[in-house]
């Protein structure tokens, strides 16, 4: 069985995409608590994050 390079690259890119999307979605629900706790605006939080 040969190693299929294009398939491996596509799989890794898809995995990286889903990991970043899960990371973005995991932070979104707690943004109001973060802005209240640290007294920062959404703009400042977005620039720093």
PDB file of N, CA and C in Angstrom:
ATOM      1  N   UNK A   1       0.835  -1.180   0.000  1.00  0.00           N
ATOM      2  CA  UNK A   1       0.000   0.000   0.000  1.00  0.00           C
ATOM      3  C   UNK A   1       0.879   1.242   0.000  1.00  0.00           C
ATOM      4  N   UNK A   2       0.588   2.145  -0.904  1.00  0.00           N
ATOM      5  CA  UNK A   2       1.396   3.358  -1.016  1.00  0.00           C
ATOM      6  C   UNK A   2       0.783   4.481  -0.194  1.00  0.00           C
ATOM      7  N   UNK A   3       1.657   5.371   0.267  1.00  0.00           N
ATOM      8  CA  UNK A   3       1.232   6.546   1.006  1.00  0.00           C
ATOM      9  C   UNK A   3       0.685   7.572   0.025  1.00  0.00           C
ATOM     10  N   UNK A   4      -0.544   8.020   0.222  1.00  0.00           N
ATOM     11  CA  UNK A   4      -1.159   8.997  -0.665  1.00  0.00           C
ATOM     12  C   UNK A   4      -0.971  10.388  -0.088  1.00  0.00           C
ATOM     13  N   UNK A   5       0.031  11.085  -0.606  1.00  0.00           N
ATOM     14  CA  UNK A   5       0.395  12.409  -0.097  1.00  0.00           C
ATOM     15  C   UNK A   5      -0.739  13.424  -0.224  1.00  0.00           C
ATOM     16  N   UNK A   6      -1.392  13.593  -1.394  1.00  0.00           N
ATOM     17  CA  UNK A   6      -2.476  14.582  -1.487  1.00  0.00           C
ATOM     18  C   UNK A   6      -3.619  14.314  -0.518  1.00  0.00           C
ATOM     19  N   UNK A   7      -3.955  13.073  -0.327  1.00  0.00           N
ATOM     20  CA  UNK A   7      -5.017  12.739   0.620  1.00  0.00           C
ATOM     21  C   UNK A   7      -4.627  13.058   2.058  1.00  0.00           C
ATOM     22  N   UNK A   8      -3.373  12.827   2.382  1.00  0.00           N
ATOM     23  CA  UNK A   8      -2.888  13.131   3.732  1.00  0.00           C
ATOM     24  C   UNK A   8      -2.882  14.629   3.986  1.00  0.00           C
ATOM     25  N   UNK A   9      -2.439  15.393   3.000  1.00  0.00           N
ATOM     26  CA  UNK A   9      -2.404  16.855   3.147  1.00  0.00           C
ATOM     27  C   UNK A   9      -3.828  17.392   3.284  1.00  0.00           C
ATOM     28  N   UNK A  10      -4.741  16.908   2.481  1.00  0.00           N
ATOM     29  CA  UNK A  10      -6.125  17.349   2.569  1.00  0.00           C
ATOM     30  C   UNK A  10      -6.717  17.000   3.927  1.00  0.00           C
ATOM     31  N   UNK A  11      -6.457  15.816   4.406  1.00  0.00           N
ATOM     32  CA  UNK A  11      -6.960  15.409   5.717  1.00  0.00           C
ATOM     33  C   UNK A  11      -6.409  16.272   6.841  1.00  0.00           C
ATOM     34  N   UNK A  12      -5.117  16.583   6.789  1.00  0.00           N
ATOM     35  CA  UNK A  12      -4.514  17.434   7.814  1.00  0.00           C
ATOM     36  C   UNK A  12      -5.052  18.856   7.757  1.00  0.00           C
ATOM     37  N   UNK A  13      -5.283  19.367   6.555  1.00  0.00           N
ATOM     38  CA  UNK A  13      -5.856  20.713   6.417  1.00  0.00           C
ATOM     39  C   UNK A  13      -7.277  20.757   6.964  1.00  0.00           C
ATOM     40  N   UNK A  14      -8.054  19.731   6.686  1.00  0.00           N
ATOM     41  CA  UNK A  14      -9.416  19.686   7.211  1.00  0.00           C
ATOM     42  C   UNK A  14      -9.410  19.579   8.734  1.00  0.00           C
ATOM     43  N   UNK A  15      -8.517  18.780   9.283  1.00  0.00           N
ATOM     44  CA  UNK A  15      -8.403  18.652  10.728  1.00  0.00           C
ATOM     45  C   UNK A  15      -8.019  19.990  11.364  1.00  0.00           C
ATOM     46  N   UNK A  16      -7.057  20.679  10.773  1.00  0.00           N
ATOM     47  CA  UNK A  16      -6.635  21.984  11.292  1.00  0.00           C
ATOM     48  C   UNK A  16      -7.789  22.983  11.241  1.00  0.00           C
ATOM     49  N   UNK A  17      -8.561  22.962  10.161  1.00  0.00           N
ATOM     50  CA  UNK A  17      -9.698  23.865  10.034  1.00  0.00           C
ATOM     51  C   UNK A  17     -10.726  23.602  11.128  1.00  0.00           C
ATOM     52  N   UNK A  18     -11.066  22.341  11.348  1.00  0.00           N
ATOM     53  CA  UNK A  18     -12.063  22.016  12.357  1.00  0.00           C
ATOM     54  C   UNK A  18     -11.565  22.329  13.763  1.00  0.00           C
ATOM     55  N   UNK A  19     -10.283  22.149  14.021  1.00  0.00           N
ATOM     56  CA  UNK A  19      -9.737  22.478  15.336  1.00  0.00           C
ATOM     57  C   UNK A  19      -9.835  23.979  15.586  1.00  0.00           C
ATOM     58  N   UNK A  20      -9.499  24.795  14.581  1.00  0.00           N
ATOM     59  CA  UNK A  20      -9.594  26.249  14.757  1.00  0.00           C
ATOM     60  C   UNK A  20     -11.043  26.696  14.914  1.00  0.00           C
ATOM     61  N   UNK A  21     -11.962  26.060  14.182  1.00  0.00           N
ATOM     62  CA  UNK A  21     -13.373  26.437  14.311  1.00  0.00           C
ATOM     63  C   UNK A  21     -13.910  26.067  15.693  1.00  0.00           C
ATOM     64  N   UNK A  22     -13.535  24.922  16.213  1.00  0.00           N
ATOM     65  CA  UNK A  22     -13.972  24.531  17.561  1.00  0.00           C
ATOM     66  C   UNK A  22     -13.400  25.502  18.581  1.00  0.00           C
ATOM     67  N   UNK A  23     -12.151  25.914  18.400  1.00  0.00           N
ATOM     68  CA  UNK A  23     -11.555  26.885  19.314  1.00  0.00           C
ATOM     69  C   UNK A  23     -12.287  28.213  19.293  1.00  0.00           C
ATOM     70  N   UNK A  24     -12.664  28.665  18.115  1.00  0.00           N
ATOM     71  CA  UNK A  24     -13.390  29.928  18.003  1.00  0.00           C
ATOM     72  C   UNK A  24     -14.779  29.819  18.624  1.00  0.00           C
ATOM     73  N   UNK A  25     -15.443  28.699  18.393  1.00  0.00           N
ATOM     74  CA  UNK A  25     -16.796  28.531  18.925  1.00  0.00           C
ATOM     75  C   UNK A  25     -16.792  28.300  20.431  1.00  0.00           C
ATOM     76  N   UNK A  26     -15.725  27.760  20.964  1.00  0.00           N
ATOM     77  CA  UNK A  26     -15.655  27.507  22.401  1.00  0.00           C
ATOM     78  C   UNK A  26     -15.480  28.805  23.185  1.00  0.00           C
ATOM     79  N   UNK A  27     -14.817  29.796  22.588  1.00  0.00           N
ATOM     80  CA  UNK A  27     -14.567  31.060  23.276  1.00  0.00           C
ATOM     81  C   UNK A  27     -15.787  31.974  23.199  1.00  0.00           C
ATOM     82  N   UNK A  28     -16.552  31.906  22.141  1.00  0.00           N
ATOM     83  CA  UNK A  28     -17.664  32.826  21.914  1.00  0.00           C
ATOM     84  C   UNK A  28     -18.670  32.906  23.056  1.00  0.00           C
ATOM     85  N   UNK A  29     -19.118  31.810  23.637  1.00  0.00           N
ATOM     86  CA  UNK A  29     -20.124  31.925  24.696  1.00  0.00           C
ATOM     87  C   UNK A  29     -19.619  32.602  25.971  1.00  0.00           C
ATOM     88  N   UNK A  30     -18.327  32.612  26.212  1.00  0.00           N
ATOM     89  CA  UNK A  30     -17.812  33.194  27.453  1.00  0.00           C
ATOM     90  C   UNK A  30     -17.316  34.624  27.287  1.00  0.00           C
ATOM     91  N   UNK A  31     -17.448  35.194  26.107  1.00  0.00           N
ATOM     92  CA  UNK A  31     -16.988  36.569  25.881  1.00  0.00           C
ATOM     93  C   UNK A  31     -17.686  37.566  26.803  1.00  0.00           C
ATOM     94  N   UNK A  32     -19.006  37.497  26.997  1.00  0.00           N
ATOM     95  CA  UNK A  32     -19.628  38.464  27.919  1.00  0.00           C
ATOM     96  C   UNK A  32     -19.072  38.386  29.345  1.00  0.00           C
ATOM     97  N   UNK A  33     -18.799  37.183  29.824  1.00  0.00           N
ATOM     98  CA  UNK A  33     -18.232  37.057  31.164  1.00  0.00           C
ATOM     99  C   UNK A  33     -16.811  37.627  31.231  1.00  0.00           C
ATOM    100  N   UNK A  34     -16.044  37.433  30.163  1.00  0.00           N
ATOM    101  CA  UNK A  34     -14.675  37.961  30.132  1.00  0.00           C
ATOM    102  C   UNK A  34     -14.693  39.484  30.114  1.00  0.00           C
ATOM    103  N   UNK A  35     -15.569  40.071  29.286  1.00  0.00           N
ATOM    104  CA  UNK A  35     -15.624  41.538  29.216  1.00  0.00           C
ATOM    105  C   UNK A  35     -16.084  42.134  30.540  1.00  0.00           C
ATOM    106  N   UNK A  36     -17.021  41.480  31.228  1.00  0.00           N
ATOM    107  CA  UNK A  36     -17.474  41.976  32.523  1.00  0.00           C
ATOM    108  C   UNK A  36     -16.409  41.819  33.597  1.00  0.00           C
ATOM    109  N   UNK A  37     -15.751  40.682  33.619  1.00  0.00           N
ATOM    110  CA  UNK A  37     -14.770  40.405  34.677  1.00  0.00           C
ATOM    111  C   UNK A  37     -13.542  41.304  34.574  1.00  0.00           C
ATOM    112  N   UNK A  38     -13.107  41.601  33.341  1.00  0.00           N
ATOM    113  CA  UNK A  38     -11.880  42.379  33.171  1.00  0.00           C
ATOM    114  C   UNK A  38     -12.139  43.815  32.734  1.00  0.00           C
ATOM    115  N   UNK A  39     -13.399  44.199  32.632  1.00  0.00           N
ATOM    116  CA  UNK A  39     -13.782  45.566  32.246  1.00  0.00           C
ATOM    117  C   UNK A  39     -13.107  46.010  30.953  1.00  0.00           C
ATOM    118  N   UNK A  40     -13.213  45.191  29.946  1.00  0.00           N
ATOM    119  CA  UNK A  40     -12.671  45.530  28.628  1.00  0.00           C
ATOM    120  C   UNK A  40     -13.817  45.513  27.621  1.00  0.00           C
ATOM    121  N   UNK A  41     -13.599  46.192  26.487  1.00  0.00           N
ATOM    122  CA  UNK A  41     -14.616  46.216  25.448  1.00  0.00           C
ATOM    123  C   UNK A  41     -14.449  45.005  24.526  1.00  0.00           C
ATOM    124  N   UNK A  42     -15.486  44.751  23.749  1.00  0.00           N
ATOM    125  CA  UNK A  42     -15.407  43.656  22.779  1.00  0.00           C
ATOM    126  C   UNK A  42     -14.325  43.930  21.741  1.00  0.00           C
ATOM    127  N   UNK A  43     -14.156  45.198  21.386  1.00  0.00           N
ATOM    128  CA  UNK A  43     -13.122  45.557  20.391  1.00  0.00           C
ATOM    129  C   UNK A  43     -11.741  45.238  20.918  1.00  0.00           C
ATOM    130  N   UNK A  44     -11.471  45.641  22.141  1.00  0.00           N
ATOM    131  CA  UNK A  44     -10.154  45.357  22.731  1.00  0.00           C
ATOM    132  C   UNK A  44      -9.922  43.865  22.889  1.00  0.00           C
ATOM    133  N   UNK A  45     -10.952  43.152  23.264  1.00  0.00           N
ATOM    134  CA  UNK A  45     -10.836  41.696  23.391  1.00  0.00           C
ATOM    135  C   UNK A  45     -10.541  41.060  22.037  1.00  0.00           C
ATOM    136  N   UNK A  46     -11.178  41.533  20.991  1.00  0.00           N
ATOM    137  CA  UNK A  46     -10.944  41.008  19.651  1.00  0.00           C
ATOM    138  C   UNK A  46      -9.556  41.298  19.139  1.00  0.00           C
ATOM    139  N   UNK A  47      -9.027  42.478  19.460  1.00  0.00           N
ATOM    140  CA  UNK A  47      -7.677  42.847  19.021  1.00  0.00           C
ATOM    141  C   UNK A  47      -6.634  42.003  19.748  1.00  0.00           C
ATOM    142  N   UNK A  48      -6.846  41.785  21.026  1.00  0.00           N
ATOM    143  CA  UNK A  48      -5.882  41.033  21.816  1.00  0.00           C
ATOM    144  C   UNK A  48      -5.958  39.544  21.529  1.00  0.00           C
ATOM    145  N   UNK A  49      -7.137  39.037  21.215  1.00  0.00           N
ATOM    146  CA  UNK A  49      -7.305  37.611  21.003  1.00  0.00           C
ATOM    147  C   UNK A  49      -6.969  37.313  19.581  1.00  0.00           C
TER     148      UNK A  49
END
